[in-house]
């Protein structure tokens, strides 16, 4: 919280706000872990895998486990990409 924001009062002061403490990488890993299906170009999958890779060695065990799971799913999706989709994506 910044000094310009008022402190929570009443019942809201008792409710923990986990999102305020999470880093952008932790939030992204948690959100991507719940993703079941999506249609995206292979280069976007590769970029996401590269970004998540930075979290594979995170000191926080929960972040590391989520990053490993998401990274594995991204790599599997890249490997399972249809050959014509992969070749058209690499031409772009």
Protein backbone atom coordinates (compact mmCIF):
# COMPACT_ATOMS: atom_id res chain seq x y z
CA UNK A 1 0.00 0.00 0.00
CA UNK A 2 1.17 3.50 -0.66
CA UNK A 3 0.84 6.30 1.85
CA UNK A 4 -1.93 7.88 -0.24
CA UNK A 5 -4.20 4.87 0.22
CA UNK A 6 -6.22 4.70 3.42
CA UNK A 7 -5.63 1.72 5.68
CA UNK A 8 -8.43 -0.86 5.66
CA UNK A 9 -10.90 -0.52 8.50
CA UNK A 10 -13.47 -2.78 10.05
CA UNK A 11 -13.91 -6.28 8.67
CA UNK A 12 -11.81 -5.50 5.58
CA UNK A 13 -8.77 -5.07 7.81
CA UNK A 14 -9.14 -8.73 8.87
CA UNK A 15 -9.34 -10.17 5.34
CA UNK A 16 -5.91 -10.94 3.90
CA UNK A 17 -5.25 -9.61 0.42
CA UNK A 18 -2.93 -12.22 -1.12
CA UNK A 19 -2.98 -10.51 -4.52
CA UNK A 20 -1.26 -7.44 -3.15
CA UNK A 21 1.68 -9.61 -2.05
CA UNK A 22 2.01 -11.67 -5.24
CA UNK A 23 4.55 -10.75 -7.88
CA UNK A 24 3.48 -10.42 -11.52
CA UNK A 25 5.22 -13.71 -12.29
CA UNK A 26 3.39 -15.51 -9.51
CA UNK A 27 0.05 -14.17 -10.70
CA UNK A 28 0.78 -15.15 -14.30
CA UNK A 29 1.84 -18.66 -13.29
CA UNK A 30 -1.29 -19.14 -11.19
CA UNK A 31 -3.57 -17.88 -13.96
CA UNK A 32 -1.89 -19.94 -16.68
CA UNK A 33 -2.01 -23.07 -14.54
CA UNK A 34 -5.82 -22.98 -14.67
CA UNK A 35 -5.94 -22.48 -18.42
CA UNK A 36 -7.35 -25.55 -20.16
CA UNK A 37 -7.67 -24.62 -23.84
CA UNK A 38 -6.61 -21.72 -25.97
CA UNK A 39 -5.72 -21.17 -29.60
CA UNK A 40 -2.61 -19.07 -29.95
CA UNK A 41 0.27 -18.95 -32.43
CA UNK A 42 3.24 -21.18 -31.58
CA UNK A 43 5.61 -18.20 -31.19
CA UNK A 44 3.32 -16.86 -28.44
CA UNK A 45 3.57 -20.23 -26.66
CA UNK A 46 7.35 -20.13 -27.01
CA UNK A 47 7.49 -16.60 -25.62
CA UNK A 48 5.27 -17.59 -22.67
CA UNK A 49 7.51 -20.61 -21.99
CA UNK A 50 10.57 -18.36 -22.01
CA UNK A 51 8.94 -15.91 -19.60
CA UNK A 52 7.79 -18.65 -17.22
CA UNK A 53 11.25 -20.26 -17.31
CA UNK A 54 12.54 -17.42 -15.13
CA UNK A 55 10.28 -18.68 -12.34
CA UNK A 56 11.55 -22.28 -12.49
CA UNK A 57 14.25 -21.49 -9.91
CA UNK A 58 12.11 -19.20 -7.72
CA UNK A 59 12.87 -19.51 -3.99
CA UNK A 60 9.15 -19.83 -3.21
CA UNK A 61 8.15 -23.49 -3.55
CA UNK A 62 4.54 -22.79 -4.61
CA UNK A 63 5.69 -20.41 -7.35
CA UNK A 64 8.31 -22.90 -8.51
CA UNK A 65 5.81 -25.78 -8.64
CA UNK A 66 3.27 -23.71 -10.57
CA UNK A 67 5.96 -22.51 -12.98
CA UNK A 68 7.16 -26.07 -13.60
CA UNK A 69 3.61 -27.26 -14.33
CA UNK A 70 2.82 -24.34 -16.63
CA UNK A 71 6.17 -24.59 -18.40
CA UNK A 72 5.62 -28.30 -19.06
CA UNK A 73 2.14 -27.60 -20.48
CA UNK A 74 3.47 -24.88 -22.74
CA UNK A 75 6.27 -27.09 -24.05
CA UNK A 76 3.81 -29.95 -24.63
CA UNK A 77 1.51 -27.61 -26.55
CA UNK A 78 4.41 -26.48 -28.72
CA UNK A 79 5.41 -30.09 -29.42
CA UNK A 80 1.80 -31.07 -30.19
CA UNK A 81 1.23 -28.17 -32.58
CA UNK A 82 -0.02 -29.21 -35.99
CA UNK A 83 2.82 -29.19 -38.54
CA UNK A 84 1.04 -26.76 -40.88
CA UNK A 85 0.33 -24.41 -37.97
CA UNK A 86 3.94 -24.57 -36.86
CA UNK A 87 5.31 -23.90 -40.34
CA UNK A 88 2.96 -20.97 -40.94
CA UNK A 89 3.79 -19.57 -37.51
CA UNK A 90 7.53 -19.71 -38.15
CA UNK A 91 7.13 -17.83 -41.44
CA UNK A 92 5.59 -14.82 -39.67
